[in-house]
Structure formats: C-alpha cells, structure tokens
Amino acid sequence: MNNEVFIKVVLDKRREKRNGKFPVKLRVYTGQPRIQKLYPLELEFGGEEFDRIQQSKAGDPLNAQRLNLQLVEWTAKKIAKELQPFDFDRFESKFFQNTHIAPDIIAYYSDAVIEMDAEQRQNSASNYRNSLQSILDYIEYSTGTKPNKIPFALITEDWLQEYEKYCLNVKSFSPATVGIYLRPLRAIFNRALDKKDIESEQYPFGRRKYRIPSAEKNIRWASKADYLRTLAAHPQNADQERARDFLIMSILCNDLTPADLAWLRYENLAGEIMVIAQTNDDGKRTSFSKSMVCVIPEEVRSIIIKHGNVELNPRTFVFPLLNDTMVPSEQHQKIEQFTRYLTHHIKALAAMPLSFGSKKKY
C-alpha cells in the first residue's frame, strides 16, 4: 500500500472512562501531508485486557476479539491501498459504508429474517433466529461478552469445531441440533459470497474444511429411550398424562410431529384411515401426493375423544391448539409452545424412576 499511509488499531488512553476502560480507535496517519485521524470503533477495553487480546492465540477465549480487531485493520488497509492517491474523505466513505466497519453476520441474519417474515416463512425465520441466538450464546460463553457485531473473519474452521464441542458437551445438544443451528450460518456465508462481501478463502464449510454434522434419519421430538421410559412411567398430573397420550398417538401413527398433531383436522380422519398432510421447512402444507396415510388404532381414537375438540365439523382442528383466525406467525408460535410443552413433560416422565410394582405383604 502507499508508504505514506500508516494504519493501526489502538487503545486511546488520553481519557479513561468511568468504567476504567478506554475506547478502541482506528489510527490513520499520513506523512505527506502530516495528518492523523482517530476513528472510534464502538469497542472499549482496559489497558491490560487490550494487551492480552493482542497476544492471544487460537483457542484462547480472547482470540475472537483479536480476530475482530485484525479484520478492522485489514479492511482499512485494503481500502487505503485501493485509493491512489489517498484521500481521507474517500477513505471514510468507503470504510463506513457497510455496517460502519465490515460485513456483519448479525446484519445478514437480520436481513434474512425480515425477508422470510415478509414471505410468511415462519419456520425458516424461527430457525435463523435460533441459529443466531445460539452463536451469540457461544460467543458470550467463550469470551464473557455478548457482541453487537460478528465479523465473518471470526467464523473459521477451528471456531466451528469449538462451537460444535460447546453444543455437544456444554449444552448437551444432539449432532442433529448442531446441524439445524449451523445450516443457516452456512447459508449466510453463501449470501455474503454472492454479494462479494467476503472472499472465497474465508468460506469455512465444505470438503476438507468444516463439515456440518449429518441429521439422523427419522429425527423425533423425543428419543427412543424417552419413549420406553415414558410408557413405563405413571403420570403425576394432567399435563404429564396429556403429553404421554400425544406421545402414544405419535408412535402409533408413524411418528407424528407436534406440528402434524396441531394441523390435524377432522377431515383428515376417514373411517379407519388418517391422512396427514406433511409440512415443509417453511411450515406450509404439502400436496396430497406427499401426504402420509396410516390406520387409526383404537388407542388413538380414545386419545382423540379424550383431548379433541367437541365440534366434529370436517374443517375443525382435531385438537384445540390452532384456529383459522390466527395469522401464520401466531400459528407457528402456538406450535412452538406446544412442542416445548410436550418435550418438557415427556422429559419429566422419562426422568421418573421406573416402578415394577410393589411386593405383596402377607
């Protein structure tokens, strides 16, 4: 780059803040003419903390901040190199044009969610929100700070490996859940590549790079072990009994999901047969050709009578969870609440000690 332009991220120690920290700034200095400008970066650290960040290595919790600062400096140097001759006004315009500093993962997530909400793709929007929240939680867990921005340079193959370990070992997520959280992140990287906001070398996914854990076949809202323990347990209240009944119905009807149960209408019940219209990733019902058909066992009929709506109109939902006056976002929220409700009570039942009867006293 132009030898007369010097750029460095520095800690501005001229004035200490009330919290004992100093603002981080980008120092840009030109020798001819001799001009120095300091640009605030919306970050602040203590003196010793800033030194530890600068010296941190891969695997160190502070390494994420070091990479963030390096990215800011690298971006500024790249812009300055493209400006011949260098001009402060043009530099400032380019430096602050995108998310003030550099392409930001949080901003990309926000844009994607806004698009999905506008297209009424509630399931996808929810997946993206949950994905971002999980990433923010991990960064806060590993660094002690919840970031306002996430530079793409932070997400490396090593970072993804550490995130996966956190999900599996700290959060006790399944590999399938890790995949659910990371696929939106991979899609965000693809968007940034398409817009040329990042270089292909920054892409951390794919062959010989980080590979997202594969989803297991027939993923269920309760594990097989939960199934067995729940069926052997004795419900202690009405909620546990209701959740257990829905689990039994799910098992007997080809592993219905909570969404399948919620969307079920009386018109789907035809004599001895149940036709379940499947949902795609965006929560929309698929065509009849892709629907699932199963026989209705007597146990399922009893559950429907016990927990179902009294009104038997064909368009009435079988269970009092949804109604046609709800907008799609409300329906999606109800299904999420229902899923959490079932999972909570199934886990409670599965955690109960198994009882095999008591000995008779003679």
Foldseek 3Di string as FASTA:
>chain_A
DPPQKDKAWDFPPPDADPVQKTFIWIWIAGVVVTDIDTHTDPDIDHPVLVVCLCVDDPPALSVQVVQVRVQQRVQLVVLPVVDVVGDPVSSQCVCCVDVYHAPFLVVLLVVVLVVLVVVLLQLVSVLSVVLVVLVQVVNCVSNVDRDPTHHLLSDALSNLVVSVCCCCPVVVDDLQVQLSSCVVVLVSVVVCVVVVRDDPVSRQDDPPGHDRRDHDPPDALDDPLLLVLLVQFDDPDPLLVLLNLVSVVCVQQVRDHLLQLQQAFLLQDDPQKGKTFDADSSRDGDDSVPIGMDGQDPSNVVSLVVAFDPDRPRGHRSHPQDDPVDDSNVSVVSSVVSSVSSSVSSVVSSPDDGDPDDDDDD
